[in-house]
């Protein structure tokens, strides 16, 4: 058996040493081509991974651009709506004040021919009442200031004068200009005289 192994070993050694050069080149070519195939497959995998990342990036970029465009359109639309709202917000109030304007025009015309001041006074008082009722219906309230405690959130003190009585110290004695509240928000502070 030893002899057989030795002979096999000799034959394999002989075969390698006696192989023609082109056979060795073929074996070397096969080895290098298998390495090249592995490298090509690895590059193909890398390329596909790179392509996949590029595709994902392009999709995310596209989504971002669409969202940005939608947001810009939303901002433009809401700005336009806000401007329209501001421009037409007073429309309802102005329409309701037009009859008062008409009444004032009629009162002015009637003053030209009337010698009786009492009738003019009554007419102007009626127009004033109509105007006040319209403003109240729109949420405007007149501030009650005289006799109340001075409050910086509601009142502007024009001056201080000595209080006529002790109970009027720190309280409002007179209102030079009325203050107004619109739907529980101060739209004009009352200009008042405070007792000290």
Protein backbone atom coordinates (compact mmCIF):
# COMPACT_ATOMS: atom_id res chain seq x y z
CA UNK A 1 0.00 0.00 0.00
CA UNK A 2 2.88 2.31 0.73
CA UNK A 3 4.14 1.70 -2.72
CA UNK A 4 0.85 2.68 -4.25
CA UNK A 5 0.76 5.95 -2.28
CA UNK A 6 4.30 6.75 -3.26
CA UNK A 7 3.50 6.11 -6.90
CA UNK A 8 0.42 8.30 -6.74
CA UNK A 9 2.49 11.01 -5.15
CA UNK A 10 5.14 10.70 -7.85
CA UNK A 11 2.51 10.81 -10.56
CA UNK A 12 0.91 13.92 -9.14
CA UNK A 13 4.30 15.57 -8.76
CA UNK A 14 5.26 14.53 -12.23
CA UNK A 15 2.01 15.75 -13.60
CA UNK A 16 2.53 19.16 -12.06
CA UNK A 17 6.11 19.46 -13.16
CA UNK A 18 5.53 17.96 -16.55
CA UNK A 19 2.41 19.95 -17.26
CA UNK A 20 2.77 22.17 -20.26
CA UNK A 21 3.08 25.91 -19.61
CA UNK A 22 -0.21 26.70 -21.23
CA UNK A 23 -2.05 24.40 -18.80
CA UNK A 24 -0.55 26.28 -15.85
CA UNK A 25 -1.54 29.52 -17.45
CA UNK A 26 -5.05 28.16 -17.84
CA UNK A 27 -5.23 27.31 -14.16
CA UNK A 28 -3.89 30.76 -13.30
CA UNK A 29 -6.41 32.32 -15.70
CA UNK A 30 -9.23 30.37 -14.06
CA UNK A 31 -8.15 31.59 -10.63
CA UNK A 32 -7.88 35.21 -11.74
CA UNK A 33 -11.16 35.06 -13.64
CA UNK A 34 -12.95 33.70 -10.56
CA UNK A 35 -11.47 36.56 -8.53
CA UNK A 36 -12.58 39.01 -11.23
CA UNK A 37 -16.08 37.51 -11.19
CA UNK A 38 -16.20 37.87 -7.41
CA UNK A 39 -14.98 41.48 -7.70
CA UNK A 40 -17.54 42.20 -10.42
CA UNK A 41 -20.31 40.68 -8.31
CA UNK A 42 -19.15 42.72 -5.33
CA UNK A 43 -19.07 45.88 -7.46
CA UNK A 44 -22.51 45.04 -8.81
CA UNK A 45 -23.80 44.64 -5.24
CA UNK A 46 -22.16 47.92 -4.25
CA UNK A 47 -23.55 49.60 -7.33
CA UNK A 48 -27.03 48.35 -6.67
CA UNK A 49 -26.77 49.46 -3.03
CA UNK A 50 -25.55 52.86 -4.22
CA UNK A 51 -28.33 53.02 -6.79
CA UNK A 52 -30.84 52.03 -4.13
CA UNK A 53 -29.59 54.79 -1.83
CA UNK A 54 -29.75 57.29 -4.70
CA UNK A 55 -33.30 56.18 -5.51
CA UNK A 56 -34.32 56.54 -1.85
CA UNK A 57 -32.69 59.96 -1.72
CA UNK A 58 -34.49 61.07 -4.89
CA UNK A 59 -37.85 59.90 -3.47
CA UNK A 60 -37.27 61.74 -0.19
CA UNK A 61 -36.16 64.86 -2.05
CA UNK A 62 -39.28 64.71 -4.24
CA UNK A 63 -41.54 64.34 -1.18
CA UNK A 64 -39.76 67.25 0.50
CA UNK A 65 -40.20 69.49 -2.55
CA UNK A 66 -43.88 68.60 -2.82
CA UNK A 67 -44.46 69.33 0.88
CA UNK A 68 -42.56 72.61 0.59
CA UNK A 69 -44.64 73.62 -2.45
CA UNK A 70 -47.89 72.69 -0.70
CA UNK A 71 -46.87 74.68 2.36
CA UNK A 72 -45.93 77.74 0.26
CA UNK A 73 -49.30 77.53 -1.51
CA UNK A 74 -51.05 77.25 1.87
CA UNK A 75 -49.21 80.34 3.18
CA UNK A 76 -50.08 82.32 0.06
CA UNK A 77 -53.74 81.25 0.21
CA UNK A 78 -54.15 82.06 3.91
CA UNK A 79 -52.41 85.44 3.49
CA UNK A 80 -54.79 86.27 0.65
CA UNK A 81 -57.81 85.14 2.73
CA UNK A 82 -56.58 87.21 5.69
CA UNK A 83 -56.26 90.32 3.53
CA UNK A 84 -59.74 89.77 2.11
CA UNK A 85 -61.12 89.26 5.62
CA UNK A 86 -59.51 92.46 6.88
CA UNK A 87 -60.76 94.42 3.89
CA UNK A 88 -64.34 93.19 4.28
CA UNK A 89 -64.53 92.81 8.07
CA UNK A 90 -66.05 96.25 8.53
CA UNK A 91 -68.56 95.74 5.74
CA UNK A 92 -71.35 94.54 8.04
CA UNK A 93 -70.85 97.38 10.52
CA UNK A 94 -70.72 99.99 7.79
CA UNK A 95 -73.87 98.66 6.14
CA UNK A 96 -75.69 98.89 9.47
CA UNK A 97 -74.47 102.50 9.93
CA UNK A 98 -75.72 103.70 6.54
CA UNK A 99 -79.28 104.38 7.84
CA UNK A 100 -77.79 106.59 10.56
CA UNK A 101 -75.85 108.50 7.92
CA UNK A 102 -79.09 108.92 5.96
CA UNK A 103 -80.83 110.22 9.09
CA UNK A 104 -78.07 112.78 9.68
CA UNK A 105 -78.34 113.99 6.08
CA UNK A 106 -82.12 114.41 6.49
CA UNK A 107 -81.58 116.28 9.77
CA UNK A 108 -79.13 118.67 8.12
CA UNK A 109 -81.58 119.37 5.28
CA UNK A 110 -84.43 119.93 7.71
CA UNK A 111 -82.34 122.43 9.73
CA UNK A 112 -82.22 124.75 6.74
CA UNK A 113 -85.99 125.32 6.71
CA UNK A 114 -86.98 124.87 10.36
CA UNK A 115 -86.90 127.73 12.81
CA UNK A 116 -87.94 125.57 15.77
CA UNK A 117 -84.83 124.31 17.58
CA UNK A 118 -86.80 121.86 19.75
CA UNK A 119 -87.77 119.67 16.77
CA UNK A 120 -84.16 119.60 15.56
CA UNK A 121 -83.03 118.56 19.04
CA UNK A 122 -85.56 115.71 19.11
CA UNK A 123 -84.46 114.55 15.66
CA UNK A 124 -80.78 114.51 16.61
CA UNK A 125 -81.55 112.62 19.83
CA UNK A 126 -83.43 109.99 17.80
CA UNK A 127 -80.49 109.61 15.41
CA UNK A 128 -78.10 109.31 18.39
CA UNK A 129 -80.27 106.59 19.96
CA UNK A 130 -80.37 104.71 16.65
CA UNK A 131 -76.58 104.91 16.36
CA UNK A 132 -76.05 103.70 19.93
CA UNK A 133 -78.46 100.78 19.48
CA UNK A 134 -76.60 99.68 16.32
CA UNK A 135 -73.22 99.87 18.08
CA UNK A 136 -74.54 97.95 21.09
CA UNK A 137 -75.90 95.25 18.79
CA UNK A 138 -72.36 94.91 17.34
CA UNK A 139 -70.90 94.29 20.82
CA UNK A 140 -69.78 97.82 21.76
CA UNK A 141 -70.29 98.87 25.38
CA UNK A 142 -69.69 102.20 27.02
CA UNK A 143 -67.53 102.12 30.18
CA UNK A 144 -69.08 103.30 33.41
CA UNK A 145 -66.25 105.30 34.96
CA UNK A 146 -67.51 108.06 37.27
CA UNK A 147 -67.43 107.02 40.92
CA UNK A 148 -65.44 103.83 40.20
CA UNK A 149 -61.94 102.99 41.42
CA UNK A 150 -59.17 104.10 39.07
CA UNK A 151 -57.92 101.10 37.05
CA UNK A 152 -54.89 101.50 34.77
CA UNK A 153 -56.17 98.70 32.52
CA UNK A 154 -59.34 100.68 31.76
CA UNK A 155 -58.54 104.33 32.40
CA UNK A 156 -56.02 107.01 31.46
CA UNK A 157 -55.65 109.64 34.18
CA UNK A 158 -55.43 113.10 32.67
CA UNK A 159 -55.07 114.88 35.98
CA UNK A 160 -55.59 114.54 39.72
CA UNK A 161 -57.57 117.01 41.75
CA UNK A 162 -58.33 117.18 45.46
CA UNK A 163 -61.28 114.92 46.21
CA UNK A 164 -64.41 116.80 47.35
CA UNK A 165 -65.07 114.05 49.94
CA UNK A 166 -62.93 111.37 51.55
CA UNK A 167 -64.88 108.53 49.91
CA UNK A 168 -63.86 109.86 46.42
CA UNK A 169 -60.09 109.58 47.10
CA UNK A 170 -58.55 107.27 44.47
CA UNK A 171 -61.83 107.25 42.56
CA UNK A 172 -62.81 108.82 39.26
CA UNK A 173 -64.47 112.20 39.65
CA UNK A 174 -65.04 113.07 35.99
CA UNK A 175 -64.67 111.44 32.54
CA UNK A 176 -63.30 113.78 29.89
CA UNK A 177 -63.61 111.12 27.17
CA UNK A 178 -65.65 107.92 27.45
CA UNK A 179 -64.00 104.55 27.20
CA UNK A 180 -65.41 101.69 25.14
CA UNK A 181 -65.27 97.91 25.33
CA UNK A 182 -65.85 95.70 22.29
CA UNK A 183 -66.70 92.09 23.13
CA UNK A 184 -64.95 92.27 26.54
CA UNK A 185 -61.80 93.94 25.13
CA UNK A 186 -60.93 97.56 25.78
CA UNK A 187 -60.76 99.40 22.46
CA UNK A 188 -60.47 102.88 23.95
CA UNK A 189 -59.39 103.81 27.48
CA UNK A 190 -61.47 106.39 29.29
CA UNK A 191 -59.68 109.68 29.90
CA UNK A 192 -60.55 110.57 33.48
CA UNK A 193 -59.94 112.95 36.36
CA UNK A 194 -58.97 111.16 39.59
CA UNK A 195 -59.53 112.44 43.12
CA UNK A 196 -56.59 112.49 45.58
